[in-house]
PDB file of N, CA and C in Angstrom:
ATOM      1  N   UNK A   1     196.152-327.167  25.314  1.00  0.00           N
ATOM      2  CA  UNK A   1     196.572-328.390  25.991  1.00  0.00           C
ATOM      3  C   UNK A   1     198.084-328.432  26.150  1.00  0.00           C
ATOM      4  N   UNK A   2     198.740-327.290  25.970  1.00  0.00           N
ATOM      5  CA  UNK A   2     200.176-327.229  26.179  1.00  0.00           C
ATOM      6  C   UNK A   2     201.016-327.609  24.977  1.00  0.00           C
ATOM      7  N   UNK A   3     200.401-327.851  23.851  1.00  0.00           N
ATOM      8  CA  UNK A   3     201.149-328.230  22.653  1.00  0.00           C
ATOM      9  C   UNK A   3     201.166-327.058  21.677  1.00  0.00           C
ATOM     10  N   UNK A   4     202.301-326.820  21.060  1.00  0.00           N
ATOM     11  CA  UNK A   4     202.390-325.761  20.042  1.00  0.00           C
ATOM     12  C   UNK A   4     202.818-326.396  18.724  1.00  0.00           C
ATOM     13  N   UNK A   5     204.117-326.457  18.494  1.00  0.00           N
ATOM     14  CA  UNK A   5     204.604-327.026  17.229  1.00  0.00           C
ATOM     15  C   UNK A   5     204.349-328.528  17.129  1.00  0.00           C
ATOM     16  N   UNK A   6     204.129-329.193  18.254  1.00  0.00           N
ATOM     17  CA  UNK A   6     203.894-330.648  18.226  1.00  0.00           C
ATOM     18  C   UNK A   6     202.575-331.000  17.544  1.00  0.00           C
ATOM     19  N   UNK A   7     201.655-330.053  17.503  1.00  0.00           N
ATOM     20  CA  UNK A   7     200.346-330.344  16.904  1.00  0.00           C
ATOM     21  C   UNK A   7     200.368-330.289  15.376  1.00  0.00           C
ATOM     22  N   UNK A   8     201.463-329.800  14.800  1.00  0.00           N
ATOM     23  CA  UNK A   8     201.585-329.707  13.341  1.00  0.00           C
ATOM     24  C   UNK A   8     202.322-330.930  12.811  1.00  0.00           C
ATOM     25  N   UNK A   9     201.735-331.593  11.833  1.00  0.00           N
ATOM     26  CA  UNK A   9     202.390-332.721  11.168  1.00  0.00           C
ATOM     27  C   UNK A   9     203.206-332.172  10.007  1.00  0.00           C
ATOM     28  N   UNK A  10     204.475-332.559   9.935  1.00  0.00           N
ATOM     29  CA  UNK A  10     205.364-332.074   8.874  1.00  0.00           C
ATOM     30  C   UNK A  10     206.004-333.257   8.153  1.00  0.00           C
ATOM     31  N   UNK A  11     206.239-333.076   6.867  1.00  0.00           N
ATOM     32  CA  UNK A  11     206.869-334.124   6.063  1.00  0.00           C
ATOM     33  C   UNK A  11     208.317-334.308   6.502  1.00  0.00           C
ATOM     34  N   UNK A  12     208.724-335.547   6.778  1.00  0.00           N
ATOM     35  CA  UNK A  12     210.107-335.803   7.177  1.00  0.00           C
ATOM     36  C   UNK A  12     211.069-335.904   5.995  1.00  0.00           C
ATOM     37  N   UNK A  13     210.521-335.990   4.783  1.00  0.00           N
ATOM     38  CA  UNK A  13     211.350-336.177   3.585  1.00  0.00           C
ATOM     39  C   UNK A  13     210.569-335.702   2.364  1.00  0.00           C
ATOM     40  N   UNK A  14     211.256-335.616   1.239  1.00  0.00           N
ATOM     41  CA  UNK A  14     210.597-335.267  -0.022  1.00  0.00           C
ATOM     42  C   UNK A  14     209.984-336.523  -0.630  1.00  0.00           C
ATOM     43  N   UNK A  15     208.883-336.340  -1.342  1.00  0.00           N
ATOM     44  CA  UNK A  15     208.236-337.462  -2.005  1.00  0.00           C
ATOM     45  C   UNK A  15     206.738-337.263  -2.076  1.00  0.00           C
ATOM     46  N   UNK A  16     206.011-338.367  -2.090  1.00  0.00           N
ATOM     47  CA  UNK A  16     204.543-338.319  -2.103  1.00  0.00           C
ATOM     48  C   UNK A  16     204.027-338.757  -0.736  1.00  0.00           C
ATOM     49  N   UNK A  17     203.040-338.010  -0.233  1.00  0.00           N
ATOM     50  CA  UNK A  17     202.478-338.286   1.086  1.00  0.00           C
ATOM     51  C   UNK A  17     201.259-339.193   0.972  1.00  0.00           C
ATOM     52  N   UNK A  18     201.261-340.237   1.796  1.00  0.00           N
ATOM     53  CA  UNK A  18     200.141-341.183   1.854  1.00  0.00           C
ATOM     54  C   UNK A  18     199.680-341.301   3.303  1.00  0.00           C
ATOM     55  N   UNK A  19     198.532-340.709   3.649  1.00  0.00           N
ATOM     56  CA  UNK A  19     198.049-340.795   5.034  1.00  0.00           C
ATOM     57  C   UNK A  19     197.600-342.211   5.380  1.00  0.00           C
ATOM     58  N   UNK A  20     197.753-342.558   6.655  1.00  0.00           N
ATOM     59  CA  UNK A  20     197.281-343.846   7.168  1.00  0.00           C
ATOM     60  C   UNK A  20     196.175-343.641   8.191  1.00  0.00           C
ATOM     61  N   UNK A  21     195.729-342.399   8.337  1.00  0.00           N
ATOM     62  CA  UNK A  21     194.645-342.039   9.244  1.00  0.00           C
ATOM     63  C   UNK A  21     193.669-341.160   8.471  1.00  0.00           C
ATOM     64  N   UNK A  22     192.498-340.953   9.053  1.00  0.00           N
ATOM     65  CA  UNK A  22     191.482-340.101   8.443  1.00  0.00           C
ATOM     66  C   UNK A  22     191.160-338.927   9.354  1.00  0.00           C
ATOM     67  N   UNK A  23     190.540-337.916   8.783  1.00  0.00           N
ATOM     68  CA  UNK A  23     190.064-336.764   9.526  1.00  0.00           C
ATOM     69  C   UNK A  23     189.200-337.237  10.697  1.00  0.00           C
ATOM     70  N   UNK A  24     189.505-336.756  11.902  1.00  0.00           N
ATOM     71  CA  UNK A  24     188.734-337.122  13.087  1.00  0.00           C
ATOM     72  C   UNK A  24     189.257-338.326  13.848  1.00  0.00           C
ATOM     73  N   UNK A  25     190.201-339.072  13.278  1.00  0.00           N
ATOM     74  CA  UNK A  25     190.776-340.224  13.993  1.00  0.00           C
ATOM     75  C   UNK A  25     191.559-339.754  15.212  1.00  0.00           C
ATOM     76  N   UNK A  26     191.475-340.523  16.289  1.00  0.00           N
ATOM     77  CA  UNK A  26     192.287-340.249  17.477  1.00  0.00           C
ATOM     78  C   UNK A  26     193.639-340.920  17.299  1.00  0.00           C
ATOM     79  N   UNK A  27     194.697-340.188  17.674  1.00  0.00           N
ATOM     80  CA  UNK A  27     196.052-340.725  17.572  1.00  0.00           C
ATOM     81  C   UNK A  27     196.792-340.487  18.880  1.00  0.00           C
ATOM     82  N   UNK A  28     197.755-341.350  19.151  1.00  0.00           N
ATOM     83  CA  UNK A  28     198.632-341.196  20.313  1.00  0.00           C
ATOM     84  C   UNK A  28     199.934-340.560  19.854  1.00  0.00           C
ATOM     85  N   UNK A  29     200.626-339.910  20.763  1.00  0.00           N
ATOM     86  CA  UNK A  29     201.951-339.380  20.434  1.00  0.00           C
ATOM     87  C   UNK A  29     202.839-340.554  20.035  1.00  0.00           C
ATOM     88  N   UNK A  30     203.546-340.413  18.944  1.00  0.00           N
ATOM     89  CA  UNK A  30     204.413-341.477  18.450  1.00  0.00           C
ATOM     90  C   UNK A  30     203.750-342.424  17.472  1.00  0.00           C
ATOM     91  N   UNK A  31     202.441-342.275  17.272  1.00  0.00           N
ATOM     92  CA  UNK A  31     201.721-343.151  16.336  1.00  0.00           C
ATOM     93  C   UNK A  31     202.055-342.782  14.896  1.00  0.00           C
ATOM     94  N   UNK A  32     202.167-343.791  14.038  1.00  0.00           N
ATOM     95  CA  UNK A  32     202.372-343.550  12.610  1.00  0.00           C
ATOM     96  C   UNK A  32     201.068-343.034  12.018  1.00  0.00           C
ATOM     97  N   UNK A  33     201.134-341.889  11.341  1.00  0.00           N
ATOM     98  CA  UNK A  33     199.935-341.297  10.749  1.00  0.00           C
ATOM     99  C   UNK A  33     199.991-341.277   9.226  1.00  0.00           C
ATOM    100  N   UNK A  34     201.136-341.642   8.670  1.00  0.00           N
ATOM    101  CA  UNK A  34     201.276-341.656   7.225  1.00  0.00           C
ATOM    102  C   UNK A  34     202.676-342.043   6.824  1.00  0.00           C
ATOM    103  N   UNK A  35     202.917-341.982   5.520  1.00  0.00           N
ATOM    104  CA  UNK A  35     204.232-342.325   4.987  1.00  0.00           C
ATOM    105  C   UNK A  35     204.515-341.420   3.789  1.00  0.00           C
ATOM    106  N   UNK A  36     205.784-341.057   3.648  1.00  0.00           N
ATOM    107  CA  UNK A  36     206.236-340.319   2.467  1.00  0.00           C
ATOM    108  C   UNK A  36     207.071-341.291   1.644  1.00  0.00           C
ATOM    109  N   UNK A  37     206.704-341.441   0.371  1.00  0.00           N
ATOM    110  CA  UNK A  37     207.418-342.382  -0.497  1.00  0.00           C
ATOM    111  C   UNK A  37     208.164-341.636  -1.592  1.00  0.00           C
ATOM    112  N   UNK A  38     209.343-342.160  -1.911  1.00  0.00           N
ATOM    113  CA  UNK A  38     210.119-341.657  -3.044  1.00  0.00           C
ATOM    114  C   UNK A  38     210.912-342.844  -3.574  1.00  0.00           C
ATOM    115  N   UNK A  39     210.611-343.238  -4.798  1.00  0.00           N
ATOM    116  CA  UNK A  39     211.195-344.452  -5.386  1.00  0.00           C
ATOM    117  C   UNK A  39     210.882-345.619  -4.449  1.00  0.00           C
ATOM    118  N   UNK A  40     211.894-346.340  -3.977  1.00  0.00           N
ATOM    119  CA  UNK A  40     211.680-347.480  -3.078  1.00  0.00           C
ATOM    120  C   UNK A  40     211.778-347.099  -1.608  1.00  0.00           C
ATOM    121  N   UNK A  41     211.981-345.823  -1.312  1.00  0.00           N
ATOM    122  CA  UNK A  41     212.144-345.365   0.069  1.00  0.00           C
ATOM    123  C   UNK A  41     210.798-344.980   0.669  1.00  0.00           C
ATOM    124  N   UNK A  42     210.523-345.493   1.871  1.00  0.00           N
ATOM    125  CA  UNK A  42     209.296-345.170   2.608  1.00  0.00           C
ATOM    126  C   UNK A  42     209.695-344.568   3.950  1.00  0.00           C
ATOM    127  N   UNK A  43     209.339-343.295   4.178  1.00  0.00           N
ATOM    128  CA  UNK A  43     209.667-342.612   5.424  1.00  0.00           C
ATOM    129  C   UNK A  43     208.383-342.385   6.210  1.00  0.00           C
ATOM    130  N   UNK A  44     208.256-342.993   7.408  1.00  0.00           N
ATOM    131  CA  UNK A  44     207.030-342.823   8.186  1.00  0.00           C
ATOM    132  C   UNK A  44     206.890-341.410   8.744  1.00  0.00           C
ATOM    133  N   UNK A  45     205.641-341.008   8.935  1.00  0.00           N
ATOM    134  CA  UNK A  45     205.302-339.736   9.572  1.00  0.00           C
ATOM    135  C   UNK A  45     204.666-340.083  10.909  1.00  0.00           C
ATOM    136  N   UNK A  46     205.204-339.519  11.996  1.00  0.00           N
ATOM    137  CA  UNK A  46     204.715-339.822  13.337  1.00  0.00           C
ATOM    138  C   UNK A  46     204.060-338.609  13.979  1.00  0.00           C
ATOM    139  N   UNK A  47     203.002-338.853  14.745  1.00  0.00           N
ATOM    140  CA  UNK A  47     202.363-337.796  15.529  1.00  0.00           C
ATOM    141  C   UNK A  47     203.284-337.421  16.685  1.00  0.00           C
ATOM    142  N   UNK A  48     203.443-336.130  16.917  1.00  0.00           N
ATOM    143  CA  UNK A  48     204.270-335.657  18.027  1.00  0.00           C
ATOM    144  C   UNK A  48     203.433-335.355  19.265  1.00  0.00           C
ATOM    145  N   UNK A  49     202.110-335.349  19.105  1.00  0.00           N
ATOM    146  CA  UNK A  49     201.200-335.052  20.214  1.00  0.00           C
ATOM    147  C   UNK A  49     199.980-335.958  20.087  1.00  0.00           C
ATOM    148  N   UNK A  50     199.339-336.265  21.207  1.00  0.00           N
ATOM    149  CA  UNK A  50     198.092-337.032  21.141  1.00  0.00           C
ATOM    150  C   UNK A  50     196.933-336.116  20.767  1.00  0.00           C
ATOM    151  N   UNK A  51     195.886-336.689  20.189  1.00  0.00           N
ATOM    152  CA  UNK A  51     194.696-335.901  19.870  1.00  0.00           C
ATOM    153  C   UNK A  51     193.945-336.479  18.693  1.00  0.00           C
ATOM    154  N   UNK A  52     193.209-335.601  18.013  1.00  0.00           N
ATOM    155  CA  UNK A  52     192.416-335.998  16.847  1.00  0.00           C
ATOM    156  C   UNK A  52     192.986-335.328  15.605  1.00  0.00           C
ATOM    157  N   UNK A  53     192.933-336.036  14.490  1.00  0.00           N
ATOM    158  CA  UNK A  53     193.399-335.476  13.226  1.00  0.00           C
ATOM    159  C   UNK A  53     192.409-334.396  12.791  1.00  0.00           C
ATOM    160  N   UNK A  54     192.907-333.151  12.699  1.00  0.00           N
ATOM    161  CA  UNK A  54     192.054-332.013  12.340  1.00  0.00           C
ATOM    162  C   UNK A  54     192.198-331.637  10.866  1.00  0.00           C
ATOM    163  N   UNK A  55     193.357-331.845  10.316  1.00  0.00           N
ATOM    164  CA  UNK A  55     193.602-331.517   8.915  1.00  0.00           C
ATOM    165  C   UNK A  55     194.639-332.466   8.352  1.00  0.00           C
ATOM    166  N   UNK A  56     194.559-332.742   7.061  1.00  0.00           N
ATOM    167  CA  UNK A  56     195.467-333.699   6.442  1.00  0.00           C
ATOM    168  C   UNK A  56     195.492-333.453   4.941  1.00  0.00           C
ATOM    169  N   UNK A  57     196.688-333.499   4.365  1.00  0.00           N
ATOM    170  CA  UNK A  57     196.801-333.347   2.914  1.00  0.00           C
ATOM    171  C   UNK A  57     196.131-334.512   2.192  1.00  0.00           C
ATOM    172  N   UNK A  58     195.759-334.246   0.963  1.00  0.00           N
ATOM    173  CA  UNK A  58     195.157-335.248   0.099  1.00  0.00           C
ATOM    174  C   UNK A  58     196.194-336.325  -0.226  1.00  0.00           C
ATOM    175  N   UNK A  59     195.800-337.602  -0.261  1.00  0.00           N
ATOM    176  CA  UNK A  59     196.747-338.680  -0.566  1.00  0.00           C
ATOM    177  C   UNK A  59     197.424-338.506  -1.922  1.00  0.00           C
ATOM    178  N   UNK A  60     198.732-338.770  -1.943  1.00  0.00           N
ATOM    179  CA  UNK A  60     199.488-338.750  -3.180  1.00  0.00           C
ATOM    180  C   UNK A  60     200.092-337.413  -3.564  1.00  0.00           C
ATOM    181  N   UNK A  61     199.845-336.369  -2.756  1.00  0.00           N
ATOM    182  CA  UNK A  61     200.418-335.065  -3.085  1.00  0.00           C
ATOM    183  C   UNK A  61     201.925-335.064  -2.852  1.00  0.00           C
ATOM    184  N   UNK A  62     202.642-334.308  -3.669  1.00  0.00           N
ATOM    185  CA  UNK A  62     204.091-334.179  -3.532  1.00  0.00           C
ATOM    186  C   UNK A  62     204.406-333.226  -2.386  1.00  0.00           C
ATOM    187  N   UNK A  63     205.329-333.647  -1.518  1.00  0.00           N
ATOM    188  CA  UNK A  63     205.719-332.843  -0.359  1.00  0.00           C
ATOM    189  C   UNK A  63     207.232-332.687  -0.330  1.00  0.00           C
ATOM    190  N   UNK A  64     207.713-331.748   0.456  1.00  0.00           N
ATOM    191  CA  UNK A  64     209.149-331.544   0.662  1.00  0.00           C
ATOM    192  C   UNK A  64     209.422-331.561   2.154  1.00  0.00           C
ATOM    193  N   UNK A  65     210.667-331.757   2.562  1.00  0.00           N
ATOM    194  CA  UNK A  65     210.999-331.850   3.988  1.00  0.00           C
ATOM    195  C   UNK A  65     210.554-330.600   4.751  1.00  0.00           C
ATOM    196  N   UNK A  66     209.845-330.815   5.846  1.00  0.00           N
ATOM    197  CA  UNK A  66     209.375-329.721   6.686  1.00  0.00           C
ATOM    198  C   UNK A  66     208.042-329.136   6.278  1.00  0.00           C
ATOM    199  N   UNK A  67     207.512-329.552   5.127  1.00  0.00           N
ATOM    200  CA  UNK A  67     206.220-329.034   4.664  1.00  0.00           C
ATOM    201  C   UNK A  67     205.111-329.472   5.614  1.00  0.00           C
ATOM    202  N   UNK A  68     204.185-328.550   5.920  1.00  0.00           N
ATOM    203  CA  UNK A  68     203.046-328.890   6.766  1.00  0.00           C
ATOM    204  C   UNK A  68     202.123-329.820   5.991  1.00  0.00           C
ATOM    205  N   UNK A  69     201.830-330.972   6.594  1.00  0.00           N
ATOM    206  CA  UNK A  69     200.974-331.944   5.910  1.00  0.00           C
ATOM    207  C   UNK A  69     199.709-332.263   6.697  1.00  0.00           C
ATOM    208  N   UNK A  70     199.596-331.728   7.916  1.00  0.00           N
ATOM    209  CA  UNK A  70     198.401-331.980   8.702  1.00  0.00           C
ATOM    210  C   UNK A  70     198.442-331.298  10.050  1.00  0.00           C
ATOM    211  N   UNK A  71     197.335-331.431  10.780  1.00  0.00           N
ATOM    212  CA  UNK A  71     197.191-330.853  12.114  1.00  0.00           C
ATOM    213  C   UNK A  71     196.570-331.864  13.058  1.00  0.00           C
ATOM    214  N   UNK A  72     196.968-331.770  14.321  1.00  0.00           N
ATOM    215  CA  UNK A  72     196.364-332.575  15.379  1.00  0.00           C
ATOM    216  C   UNK A  72     195.683-331.634  16.358  1.00  0.00           C
ATOM    217  N   UNK A  73     194.452-331.937  16.716  1.00  0.00           N
ATOM    218  CA  UNK A  73     193.712-331.186  17.733  1.00  0.00           C
ATOM    219  C   UNK A  73     193.925-331.898  19.060  1.00  0.00           C
ATOM    220  N   UNK A  74     194.793-331.348  19.933  1.00  0.00           N
ATOM    221  CA  UNK A  74     195.142-332.058  21.166  1.00  0.00           C
ATOM    222  C   UNK A  74     193.993-332.200  22.160  1.00  0.00           C
ATOM    223  N   UNK A  75     192.969-331.364  22.049  1.00  0.00           N
ATOM    224  CA  UNK A  75     191.855-331.455  23.007  1.00  0.00           C
ATOM    225  C   UNK A  75     190.996-332.690  22.769  1.00  0.00           C
ATOM    226  N   UNK A  76     191.173-333.347  21.633  1.00  0.00           N
ATOM    227  CA  UNK A  76     190.461-334.596  21.311  1.00  0.00           C
ATOM    228  C   UNK A  76     188.955-334.463  21.503  1.00  0.00           C
ATOM    229  N   UNK A  77     188.430-333.299  21.176  1.00  0.00           N
ATOM    230  CA  UNK A  77     186.996-333.038  21.273  1.00  0.00           C
ATOM    231  C   UNK A  77     186.496-332.771  19.852  1.00  0.00           C
ATOM    232  N   UNK A  78     185.587-333.593  19.374  1.00  0.00           N
ATOM    233  CA  UNK A  78     185.154-333.495  17.977  1.00  0.00           C
ATOM    234  C   UNK A  78     184.495-332.158  17.655  1.00  0.00           C
ATOM    235  N   UNK A  79     184.015-331.421  18.657  1.00  0.00           N
ATOM    236  CA  UNK A  79     183.430-330.098  18.392  1.00  0.00           C
ATOM    237  C   UNK A  79     184.453-329.150  17.772  1.00  0.00           C
ATOM    238  N   UNK A  80     185.725-329.325  18.118  1.00  0.00           N
ATOM    239  CA  UNK A  80     186.764-328.438  17.608  1.00  0.00           C
ATOM    240  C   UNK A  80     187.172-328.778  16.176  1.00  0.00           C
ATOM    241  N   UNK A  81     186.677-329.874  15.638  1.00  0.00           N
ATOM    242  CA  UNK A  81     187.024-330.278  14.275  1.00  0.00           C
ATOM    243  C   UNK A  81     186.196-329.546  13.227  1.00  0.00           C
ATOM    244  N   UNK A  82     185.041-329.034  13.622  1.00  0.00           N
ATOM    245  CA  UNK A  82     184.129-328.425  12.651  1.00  0.00           C
ATOM    246  C   UNK A  82     183.851-326.954  12.938  1.00  0.00           C
ATOM    247  N   UNK A  83     184.632-326.354  13.818  1.00  0.00           N
ATOM    248  CA  UNK A  83     184.445-324.943  14.134  1.00  0.00           C
ATOM    249  C   UNK A  83     185.685-324.151  13.741  1.00  0.00           C
ATOM    250  N   UNK A  84     185.521-322.850  13.621  1.00  0.00           N
ATOM    251  CA  UNK A  84     186.637-321.964  13.304  1.00  0.00           C
ATOM    252  C   UNK A  84     187.394-321.679  14.593  1.00  0.00           C
ATOM    253  N   UNK A  85     188.709-321.793  14.541  1.00  0.00           N
ATOM    254  CA  UNK A  85     189.522-321.558  15.737  1.00  0.00           C
ATOM    255  C   UNK A  85     189.532-320.075  16.097  1.00  0.00           C
ATOM    256  N   UNK A  86     189.832-319.771  17.363  1.00  0.00           N
ATOM    257  CA  UNK A  86     189.943-318.384  17.810  1.00  0.00           C
ATOM    258  C   UNK A  86     191.003-317.642  17.004  1.00  0.00           C
ATOM    259  N   UNK A  87     192.100-318.321  16.716  1.00  0.00           N
ATOM    260  CA  UNK A  87     193.187-317.711  15.942  1.00  0.00           C
ATOM    261  C   UNK A  87     192.709-317.341  14.536  1.00  0.00           C
ATOM    262  N   UNK A  88     192.001-318.259  13.878  1.00  0.00           N
ATOM    263  CA  UNK A  88     191.502-317.989  12.530  1.00  0.00           C
ATOM    264  C   UNK A  88     190.488-316.848  12.539  1.00  0.00           C
ATOM    265  N   UNK A  89     189.629-316.800  13.555  1.00  0.00           N
ATOM    266  CA  UNK A  89     188.665-315.709  13.671  1.00  0.00           C
ATOM    267  C   UNK A  89     189.367-314.371  13.846  1.00  0.00           C
ATOM    268  N   UNK A  90     190.396-314.339  14.689  1.00  0.00           N
ATOM    269  CA  UNK A  90     191.137-313.103  14.935  1.00  0.00           C
ATOM    270  C   UNK A  90     191.825-312.619  13.661  1.00  0.00           C
ATOM    271  N   UNK A  91     192.449-313.536  12.938  1.00  0.00           N
ATOM    272  CA  UNK A  91     193.130-313.164  11.693  1.00  0.00           C
ATOM    273  C   UNK A  91     192.119-312.680  10.656  1.00  0.00           C
ATOM    274  N   UNK A  92     191.024-313.400  10.514  1.00  0.00           N
ATOM    275  CA  UNK A  92     189.990-313.002   9.563  1.00  0.00           C
ATOM    276  C   UNK A  92     189.409-311.636   9.890  1.00  0.00           C
ATOM    277  N   UNK A  93     189.168-311.379  11.176  1.00  0.00           N
ATOM    278  CA  UNK A  93     188.651-310.077  11.599  1.00  0.00           C
ATOM    279  C   UNK A  93     189.629-308.956  11.316  1.00  0.00           C
ATOM    280  N   UNK A  94     190.909-309.216  11.553  1.00  0.00           N
ATOM    281  CA  UNK A  94     191.937-308.201  11.298  1.00  0.00           C
ATOM    282  C   UNK A  94     192.047-307.894   9.809  1.00  0.00           C
ATOM    283  N   UNK A  95     191.973-308.922   8.975  1.00  0.00           N
ATOM    284  CA  UNK A  95     192.034-308.716   7.526  1.00  0.00           C
ATOM    285  C   UNK A  95     190.818-307.922   7.059  1.00  0.00           C
ATOM    286  N   UNK A  96     189.644-308.264   7.553  1.00  0.00           N
ATOM    287  CA  UNK A  96     188.430-307.538   7.177  1.00  0.00           C
ATOM    288  C   UNK A  96     188.532-306.069   7.579  1.00  0.00           C
ATOM    289  N   UNK A  97     189.018-305.802   8.781  1.00  0.00           N
ATOM    290  CA  UNK A  97     189.194-304.423   9.246  1.00  0.00           C
ATOM    291  C   UNK A  97     190.167-303.665   8.354  1.00  0.00           C
ATOM    292  N   UNK A  98     191.278-304.297   7.994  1.00  0.00           N
ATOM    293  CA  UNK A  98     192.269-303.645   7.132  1.00  0.00           C
ATOM    294  C   UNK A  98     191.686-303.335   5.757  1.00  0.00           C
ATOM    295  N   UNK A  99     190.949-304.276   5.183  1.00  0.00           N
ATOM    296  CA  UNK A  99     190.350-304.065   3.863  1.00  0.00           C
ATOM    297  C   UNK A  99     189.317-302.945   3.924  1.00  0.00           C
ATOM    298  N   UNK A 100     188.466-302.955   4.939  1.00  0.00           N
ATOM    299  CA  UNK A 100     187.443-301.915   5.070  1.00  0.00           C
ATOM    300  C   UNK A 100     188.080-300.541   5.262  1.00  0.00           C
ATOM    301  N   UNK A 101     189.138-300.469   6.055  1.00  0.00           N
ATOM    302  CA  UNK A 101     189.855-299.203   6.260  1.00  0.00           C
ATOM    303  C   UNK A 101     190.445-298.717   4.947  1.00  0.00           C
ATOM    304  N   UNK A 102     191.069-299.615   4.210  1.00  0.00           N
ATOM    305  CA  UNK A 102     191.674-299.261   2.925  1.00  0.00           C
ATOM    306  C   UNK A 102     190.610-298.776   1.937  1.00  0.00           C
ATOM    307  N   UNK A 103     189.476-299.480   1.869  1.00  0.00           N
ATOM    308  CA  UNK A 103     188.409-299.090   0.951  1.00  0.00           C
ATOM    309  C   UNK A 103     187.803-297.742   1.321  1.00  0.00           C
ATOM    310  N   UNK A 104     187.687-297.453   2.604  1.00  0.00           N
ATOM    311  CA  UNK A 104     187.099-296.190   3.053  1.00  0.00           C
ATOM    312  C   UNK A 104     188.030-295.003   2.835  1.00  0.00           C
ATOM    313  N   UNK A 105     189.308-295.247   2.589  1.00  0.00           N
ATOM    314  CA  UNK A 105     190.261-294.164   2.344  1.00  0.00           C
ATOM    315  C   UNK A 105     190.252-293.723   0.889  1.00  0.00           C
ATOM    316  N   UNK A 106     189.606-294.454   0.027  1.00  0.00           N
ATOM    317  CA  UNK A 106     189.591-294.129  -1.416  1.00  0.00           C
ATOM    318  C   UNK A 106     188.595-293.043  -1.714  1.00  0.00           C
TER     319      UNK A 106
END
């Protein structure tokens, strides 16, 4: 859908991450999807692309600035939330091939 880095949610600050959305929720670009808290400071996390929440860290986990805390599926099609992506399949296949090649050389 033309989005690359915009589909990745990253922590804007260090602290504890508290999501305000759930897996599968539809979000608009610019929507608040969570907050990072540290002491009395609350830093909002905003979606950079529209779509559905595909992945999200567990509430209360400690994060650092720039840490990946979630993913947005820009196609907004729920079928893509429960399937393996083409990229993940390609990486998994390459790893399997490398392991099998290494094992066969022994």
